[in-house]
Every structure is written in C-alpha cells, then in structure tokens.
N, C-alpha and C. Protein backbone atom coordinates (compact mmCIF):
# COMPACT_ATOMS: atom_id res chain seq x y z
N MET A 1 236.08 -68.83 142.70
CA MET A 1 235.24 -67.96 143.30
C MET A 1 233.15 -68.30 142.18
N GLN A 2 234.37 -68.09 140.84
CA GLN A 2 234.27 -68.15 140.48
C GLN A 2 233.37 -69.90 139.72
N GLU A 3 233.81 -70.81 140.25
CA GLU A 3 232.78 -72.11 139.98
C GLU A 3 232.31 -71.94 141.38
N GLN A 4 232.60 -72.23 142.44
CA GLN A 4 231.40 -71.86 143.33
C GLN A 4 229.79 -71.16 142.82
N GLN A 5 230.38 -69.97 142.40
CA GLN A 5 229.21 -69.15 142.17
C GLN A 5 228.09 -69.80 140.51
N SER A 6 229.03 -70.32 140.46
CA SER A 6 228.47 -71.24 138.96
C SER A 6 227.97 -72.54 140.05
N ASP A 7 227.70 -73.21 140.51
CA ASP A 7 227.69 -74.30 141.91
C ASP A 7 226.73 -74.01 142.36
N ILE A 8 225.81 -73.09 142.76
CA ILE A 8 224.84 -72.37 143.35
C ILE A 8 224.11 -71.99 142.45
N ASP A 9 224.31 -71.73 140.70
CA ASP A 9 223.46 -71.35 140.58
C ASP A 9 222.95 -72.48 139.86
N ILE A 10 223.86 -74.32 139.50
CA ILE A 10 222.83 -74.87 139.34
C ILE A 10 221.57 -75.01 140.38
N LEU A 11 222.23 -75.24 141.62
CA LEU A 11 221.78 -75.72 142.43
C LEU A 11 220.02 -75.02 142.75
N LEU A 12 220.52 -73.71 142.13
CA LEU A 12 219.04 -73.24 141.84
C LEU A 12 218.30 -73.64 141.37
N SER A 13 219.25 -73.46 140.43
CA SER A 13 217.70 -74.01 138.71
C SER A 13 217.48 -75.39 138.94
N ASP A 14 218.52 -76.40 139.70
CA ASP A 14 217.88 -77.74 140.32
C ASP A 14 216.99 -77.80 141.30
N ALA A 15 216.80 -76.48 141.82
CA ALA A 15 215.37 -76.55 142.43
C ALA A 15 214.07 -75.41 142.59
N GLY A 16 214.50 -75.16 141.65
CA GLY A 16 213.41 -74.40 140.82
C GLY A 16 212.60 -75.07 139.69
N ASP A 17 213.90 -76.43 139.48
CA ASP A 17 212.90 -77.17 138.81
C ASP A 17 212.52 -77.92 139.39
N PHE A 18 212.85 -77.71 140.46
CA PHE A 18 212.03 -79.14 141.58
C PHE A 18 210.68 -78.64 142.17
N ILE A 19 210.27 -77.45 141.95
CA ILE A 19 209.62 -76.42 142.60
C ILE A 19 208.45 -77.02 141.52
N GLU A 20 209.00 -76.59 140.60
CA GLU A 20 207.98 -75.94 139.25
C GLU A 20 207.27 -78.28 139.07
N THR A 21 207.83 -79.22 138.90
CA THR A 21 208.12 -80.25 138.91
C THR A 21 206.65 -80.96 139.84
N ARG A 22 206.95 -80.51 141.46
CA ARG A 22 205.91 -80.76 142.57
C ARG A 22 204.97 -80.12 142.23
N THR A 23 204.66 -78.79 141.93
CA THR A 23 203.34 -77.57 141.73
C THR A 23 202.94 -78.38 140.80
N THR A 24 203.28 -78.87 138.88
CA THR A 24 202.98 -79.92 138.25
C THR A 24 202.24 -81.17 139.08
N LEU A 25 202.86 -82.10 139.94
CA LEU A 25 202.47 -82.74 140.28
C LEU A 25 201.13 -82.97 141.07
N TRP A 26 201.58 -82.03 142.37
CA TRP A 26 200.25 -81.94 143.36
C TRP A 26 199.14 -81.71 141.97
N LYS A 27 199.18 -79.87 141.02
CA LYS A 27 198.16 -79.81 139.55
C LYS A 27 197.27 -81.19 139.76
N TYR A 28 198.30 -82.29 139.40
CA TYR A 28 197.55 -83.21 138.81
C TYR A 28 197.23 -84.29 139.58
N LYS A 29 197.61 -84.53 140.22
CA LYS A 29 196.75 -85.01 141.63
C LYS A 29 195.18 -84.36 141.83
N SER A 30 195.48 -83.29 142.24
CA SER A 30 194.14 -82.60 142.85
C SER A 30 192.48 -82.63 141.37
N ILE A 31 193.21 -82.30 140.21
CA ILE A 31 192.60 -82.91 139.02
C ILE A 31 192.51 -83.99 138.69
N GLU A 32 192.48 -85.22 139.51
CA GLU A 32 192.31 -86.79 139.30
C GLU A 32 191.45 -87.14 140.57
N SER A 33 192.20 -86.13 141.60
CA SER A 33 190.74 -86.10 142.42
C SER A 33 189.48 -85.40 142.76
N LEU A 34 189.18 -84.93 142.40
CA LEU A 34 188.30 -83.79 141.62
C LEU A 34 187.65 -84.55 140.03
N ALA A 35 188.40 -85.09 139.46
CA ALA A 35 187.41 -86.07 138.16
C ALA A 35 187.08 -87.16 139.06
N ASP A 36 187.54 -87.58 140.51
CA ASP A 36 186.73 -89.12 141.10
C ASP A 36 185.49 -88.54 141.97
N VAL A 37 185.88 -87.91 142.41
CA VAL A 37 184.60 -87.66 143.57
C VAL A 37 183.74 -87.15 142.41
N SER A 38 184.25 -86.14 141.35
CA SER A 38 182.40 -85.92 140.62
C SER A 38 182.04 -87.06 139.90
N GLY A 39 182.32 -88.19 139.10
CA GLY A 39 182.08 -89.38 139.04
C GLY A 39 181.59 -90.05 139.88
N GLU A 40 182.36 -89.89 140.95
CA GLU A 40 181.48 -91.09 142.23
C GLU A 40 179.76 -89.51 142.63
N LEU A 41 179.50 -89.06 142.33
CA LEU A 41 179.15 -87.89 142.72
C LEU A 41 177.67 -87.93 141.69
N VAL A 42 178.34 -88.05 140.10
CA VAL A 42 176.78 -88.22 139.90
C VAL A 42 176.69 -89.43 139.33
N SER A 43 177.46 -90.36 139.52
CA SER A 43 176.80 -91.38 139.15
C SER A 43 175.92 -91.95 141.38
N GLY A 44 176.00 -91.74 141.69
CA GLY A 44 175.43 -91.28 143.39
C GLY A 44 174.25 -90.75 142.76
N LEU A 45 174.05 -89.45 141.93
CA LEU A 45 173.04 -89.19 141.85
C LEU A 45 172.03 -89.92 140.51
N ALA A 46 172.94 -90.83 139.52
CA ALA A 46 171.72 -91.26 139.15
C ALA A 46 171.33 -92.29 139.55
N MET A 47 172.37 -92.61 140.58
CA MET A 47 171.43 -93.83 141.21
C MET A 47 169.70 -93.52 142.31
N ILE A 48 170.25 -92.33 142.60
CA ILE A 48 169.32 -92.24 143.33
C ILE A 48 167.64 -91.73 142.47
N VAL A 49 168.29 -91.10 141.59
CA VAL A 49 167.08 -90.61 140.61
C VAL A 49 166.69 -92.10 139.83
N PHE A 50 166.93 -92.93 140.24
CA PHE A 50 166.63 -94.15 139.37
C PHE A 50 165.37 -94.53 140.46
N ALA A 51 166.33 -95.10 141.62
CA ALA A 51 165.42 -94.87 143.22
C ALA A 51 164.45 -94.46 143.13
N SER A 52 164.35 -93.30 143.06
CA SER A 52 163.15 -91.86 143.44
C SER A 52 162.30 -92.46 142.85
N PHE A 53 162.46 -92.45 140.82
CA PHE A 53 161.77 -93.21 140.25
C PHE A 53 160.39 -94.60 140.76
N VAL A 54 161.76 -95.52 141.14
CA VAL A 54 160.64 -97.02 142.10
C VAL A 54 159.58 -96.73 143.19
N ILE A 55 160.25 -95.97 144.01
CA ILE A 55 159.74 -95.47 144.98
C ILE A 55 157.99 -94.48 144.75
N ILE A 56 157.63 -93.89 144.03
CA ILE A 56 157.35 -92.25 143.59
C ILE A 56 156.49 -93.88 142.38
N ILE A 57 155.90 -95.31 141.80
CA ILE A 57 155.71 -95.98 141.09
C ILE A 57 155.09 -97.30 142.66
N PHE A 58 156.51 -97.76 142.98
CA PHE A 58 155.55 -98.22 144.67
C PHE A 58 154.80 -97.55 145.09
N SER A 59 154.94 -96.14 145.58
CA SER A 59 154.11 -95.19 146.59
C SER A 59 152.32 -95.12 145.84
N ILE A 60 152.52 -94.67 144.56
CA ILE A 60 151.04 -95.19 143.84
C ILE A 60 150.76 -96.08 144.42
N GLY A 61 151.70 -97.32 144.20
CA GLY A 61 150.49 -98.68 144.29
C GLY A 61 150.04 -98.96 145.21
N PHE A 62 151.50 -99.16 146.40
CA PHE A 62 150.74 -98.95 147.61
C PHE A 62 149.08 -98.46 147.59
N ALA A 63 149.01 -96.96 147.75
CA ALA A 63 148.02 -96.06 147.78
C ALA A 63 146.77 -96.48 147.21
N LEU A 64 147.12 -96.45 145.86
CA LEU A 64 145.85 -97.33 145.22
C LEU A 64 145.62 -98.37 146.04
N LEU A 65 146.34 -99.33 146.05
CA LEU A 65 145.38 -100.29 147.18
C LEU A 65 144.88 -100.43 148.51
N ILE A 66 146.06 -99.79 149.56
CA ILE A 66 145.13 -98.95 150.47
C ILE A 66 143.87 -98.61 150.61
N GLY A 67 143.40 -97.75 149.07
CA GLY A 67 142.13 -96.97 149.34
C GLY A 67 141.72 -98.15 148.62
N ASP A 68 141.74 -98.87 147.48
CA ASP A 68 141.38 -100.18 147.15
C ASP A 68 140.21 -100.95 149.15
N TRP A 69 141.59 -101.19 150.06
CA TRP A 69 141.46 -101.98 150.87
C TRP A 69 139.74 -101.48 152.05
N ILE A 70 140.38 -99.38 152.01
CA ILE A 70 139.63 -98.99 153.13
C ILE A 70 138.13 -98.45 151.98
N GLY A 71 138.40 -98.18 150.77
CA GLY A 71 137.07 -97.63 150.47
C GLY A 71 136.73 -96.72 149.72
N LYS A 72 138.22 -95.25 149.99
CA LYS A 72 138.43 -94.38 148.81
C LYS A 72 140.08 -93.66 148.93
N SER A 73 140.39 -94.16 147.38
CA SER A 73 141.02 -94.41 147.13
C SER A 73 142.05 -92.88 147.69
N TYR A 74 141.24 -92.13 147.58
CA TYR A 74 142.23 -90.68 147.95
C TYR A 74 142.85 -91.19 149.60
N TYR A 75 142.27 -91.80 150.09
CA TYR A 75 142.99 -92.37 151.70
C TYR A 75 143.46 -92.90 151.70
N GLY A 76 144.58 -93.70 150.55
CA GLY A 76 145.95 -94.90 150.42
C GLY A 76 146.33 -93.05 150.16
N PHE A 77 145.77 -92.47 149.12
CA PHE A 77 147.37 -91.32 149.80
C PHE A 77 147.78 -89.85 150.20
N PHE A 78 146.85 -90.08 152.15
CA PHE A 78 147.03 -89.42 152.83
C PHE A 78 147.21 -90.77 153.89
N ILE A 79 147.41 -91.52 153.35
CA ILE A 79 148.20 -92.46 154.52
C ILE A 79 149.65 -92.45 153.84
N ILE A 80 149.51 -92.94 152.37
CA ILE A 80 151.50 -92.89 152.37
C ILE A 80 151.99 -91.31 152.55
N GLY A 81 150.96 -89.85 152.47
CA GLY A 81 151.69 -89.33 152.29
C GLY A 81 152.29 -88.75 154.28
N GLY A 82 151.00 -89.18 154.60
CA GLY A 82 151.37 -88.85 156.23
C GLY A 82 152.35 -89.39 156.61
N PHE A 83 153.02 -91.53 155.95
CA PHE A 83 154.26 -92.31 156.26
C PHE A 83 155.02 -91.86 156.21
N TYR A 84 155.17 -90.78 154.58
CA TYR A 84 156.73 -89.92 154.02
C TYR A 84 157.06 -88.87 154.47
N SER A 85 155.82 -88.46 155.47
CA SER A 85 155.78 -86.92 156.19
C SER A 85 157.16 -87.88 157.88
N ILE A 86 156.17 -89.05 157.98
CA ILE A 86 156.89 -89.09 158.77
C ILE A 86 158.55 -89.42 158.28
N VAL A 87 158.30 -90.37 157.74
CA VAL A 87 160.12 -90.70 157.51
C VAL A 87 160.97 -89.08 157.50
N ALA A 88 159.96 -88.29 156.85
CA ALA A 88 161.16 -87.06 155.96
C ALA A 88 161.75 -86.52 157.99
N LEU A 89 160.95 -86.48 158.93
CA LEU A 89 160.73 -85.85 160.04
C LEU A 89 161.79 -86.64 160.36
N VAL A 90 162.12 -87.97 160.59
CA VAL A 90 163.02 -88.93 161.34
C VAL A 90 164.41 -88.07 160.67
N ILE A 91 164.35 -88.48 159.21
CA ILE A 91 165.94 -87.76 158.33
C ILE A 91 166.06 -87.28 158.96
N TYR A 92 165.66 -85.84 159.12
CA TYR A 92 165.78 -84.42 159.19
C TYR A 92 166.13 -84.41 160.51
N ALA A 93 165.79 -85.42 161.45
CA ALA A 93 166.26 -85.12 162.75
C ALA A 93 167.87 -85.59 162.53
N ARG A 94 168.07 -86.76 161.69
CA ARG A 94 169.80 -87.76 162.37
C ARG A 94 170.21 -86.56 160.79
N ARG A 95 170.02 -86.13 160.14
CA ARG A 95 170.89 -85.85 159.19
C ARG A 95 172.08 -85.29 158.91
N GLY A 96 173.09 -84.74 160.33
CA GLY A 96 174.26 -85.35 160.99
C GLY A 96 174.75 -86.56 160.47
N LYS A 97 174.13 -87.63 160.54
CA LYS A 97 175.23 -88.63 161.38
C LYS A 97 175.02 -89.53 160.01
N TRP A 98 173.77 -89.97 159.38
CA TRP A 98 172.81 -90.42 158.09
C TRP A 98 172.85 -89.85 157.40
N VAL A 99 173.49 -89.10 156.76
CA VAL A 99 173.45 -88.32 155.39
C VAL A 99 174.73 -86.80 155.40
N LYS A 100 174.96 -85.99 156.14
CA LYS A 100 176.05 -85.59 156.28
C LYS A 100 177.57 -85.87 156.29
N ASP A 101 177.50 -86.35 157.90
CA ASP A 101 178.74 -87.22 158.15
C ASP A 101 179.80 -88.49 157.10
N PRO A 102 178.64 -89.41 156.41
CA PRO A 102 179.39 -89.89 155.70
C PRO A 102 179.12 -88.93 154.66
N PHE A 103 178.24 -88.59 153.15
CA PHE A 103 179.33 -87.40 152.40
C PHE A 103 180.36 -87.27 152.43
N SER A 104 180.42 -86.64 153.91
CA SER A 104 182.07 -85.64 153.92
C SER A 104 183.01 -86.90 153.96
N ASN A 105 182.39 -87.53 154.71
CA ASN A 105 183.38 -89.01 154.44
C ASN A 105 184.06 -89.60 153.42
N MET A 106 183.61 -89.53 152.47
CA MET A 106 183.44 -89.94 151.26
C MET A 106 184.76 -89.02 150.26
N LEU A 107 183.61 -87.89 150.16
CA LEU A 107 184.04 -86.73 149.97
C LEU A 107 186.48 -86.80 150.35
N ILE A 108 186.81 -87.20 151.28
CA ILE A 108 188.07 -86.91 152.47
C ILE A 108 188.59 -87.73 151.61
N ARG A 109 187.45 -89.16 151.64
CA ARG A 109 188.51 -90.15 150.94
C ARG A 109 188.99 -89.97 149.92
N LYS A 110 188.60 -89.53 149.13
CA LYS A 110 188.23 -89.96 147.48
C LYS A 110 189.27 -88.50 147.93
N ILE A 111 189.79 -87.73 148.29
CA ILE A 111 190.54 -86.47 147.40
C ILE A 111 191.52 -87.13 148.37
N LEU A 112 191.93 -87.92 149.85
CA LEU A 112 193.05 -88.06 150.36
C LEU A 112 194.13 -89.17 149.67
N LYS A 113 192.83 -89.76 148.48
CA LYS A 113 193.50 -91.24 147.76
C LYS A 113 194.74 -91.09 146.68
C-alpha cells in the first residue's frame, strides 16, 4: 500500500511539473507573439509617417502647380483639398473591408504563428 501511495505522489509531482512547464511555454509563446505584433505595428507606423510626409510635399507641389495654371494659387489648394475629401469619404465608406479586416487578419496571423 505504501508503494502504491509513493507512485501516486510521483505521478502527481510529474503532472504538476508538466502543468508548470506548459504554463511557462504558453507565456513565452504569447510574449513572442506580442513582440512580433508590436514590431510589425511600429514598422507600419513608421512607413505611414514617411508616406504622409511624401504625400504632403507632393500635395503642396500639385496645389501650387494647379493654382499657377488657374491663375490663383489658393484655388489649387481648394482643388487638392476637395480631392482629399472625396478620397476620405470613399475610404470611410469602405473602412471595414479596406482597413479593419486586413489589420485584424494580420494580428490573428501573427498571434497564431
């Protein structure tokens, strides 16, 4: 009877060690996924910032060019502003399909990797 009790103690001890190891492994995997997603977000935000600067510079140039063609420089800025308003409305109308879904899929893919 004593030997059987000892076997159960060893089994319970091994099961406890297994659970502890699995918990640690899960924690490390979640940290790796979080680091991967964070790195992806930071690099994506950096690209958005640089792309925004490029778009701003080109927008000013096009606005001045259009204004020069029309005769008044501020007309070019109104035209470019109207163009961006239309683009913003289209993006807002399609935000679920163009922004939310790809971002959600990227997060899920990175976390489940």
